[in-house]
Amino acid sequence: MLTKRIIPCLDIKNGKVVKGINFVGLKDVGDPIELAKRYDQQCADEVVFLDITASYEERNIIKDLIERGASELTIPLAVGGGIRTIDDFRMILASGADKVSVNSAAIANPNLIKEAADEFGVQCVVVAVDAKKRENGGYDVYVKGGRENTGIDLVEWVTKCEALGAGEILLTSMDADGTKAGYDIDMINTVCNAVDIPVIASGGCGSIQDIVDVFKQTNCDAALVASLFHFKEATVEDVRVELRKHDINVRRAM
């Protein structure tokens, strides 16, 4: 049985970690490398840097953070935000990241997924998907930080991503994001049932119990966590201890 992964996510703006609710109202939480090192010491399974400004000017800041992270962290580092071209993949992986997460650009050019998988291997390619429930059932995929509805059906999109060579789906429920009311179990199950590649659940984690619930009630491979860890409401090891009590298979602390 595969071990479930616990992945702290750091939203980065102007070189600082920030946190908001439903994608808005951002608060400064601190230095990305210091936070990432804390999670590394707590034996997180990996860590995600998400560049939420994704501006051209930010590229050098992110490149510097990846290089520092790669030299100071022992756990895998995934990086997303503003990935537009195969050259962006190349720069991020060359700077020391282990995985690249692509979102809006994959919608604009789905072949980018295939190109990246062919050149770097599927294990490097994470497709991030932001989705929201439709009034008449089902889910729509959103882009541009959740500001724009593509009208693309979530299940159609994730199955296409898998066929093109995505190694993982990072699924964020926009309805749940930042609410601390729990993961969107229905949406996660919808995607887990549609694909055979790992699904990372994101959006809505407010307690350790939410992480227990998402692993017990869905087949997701990993849970993305932000506020709970950033504001020191719990540690990665606290989560692991609780998961073990529920017979959920997690990696032992080093």
Foldseek 3Di string as FASTA:
>chain_A
DAAFFEEEEFEDEPQFGWADALLDDIDTLGHPQVLLLQQLLLVGQEYEYEDLVLDPVCVVSVLVVLLVNQVRHPHAYEYEGNDAAVVSLVSSVVSRHQAYEYEPNCVVPVLRLLVNCVVPNQSRYEYEWEWEADPVGFIFTADDSRPGTPRDTPLVVLLSSVVSRHQEYEYEYSVQAPPLQAFPQVVQQSNVVRDDHAYETDGHNNDLVSVLCNVVRHVHRYYYDYPCPSVVVDGPVRSVVVNVVVVRGHDDND
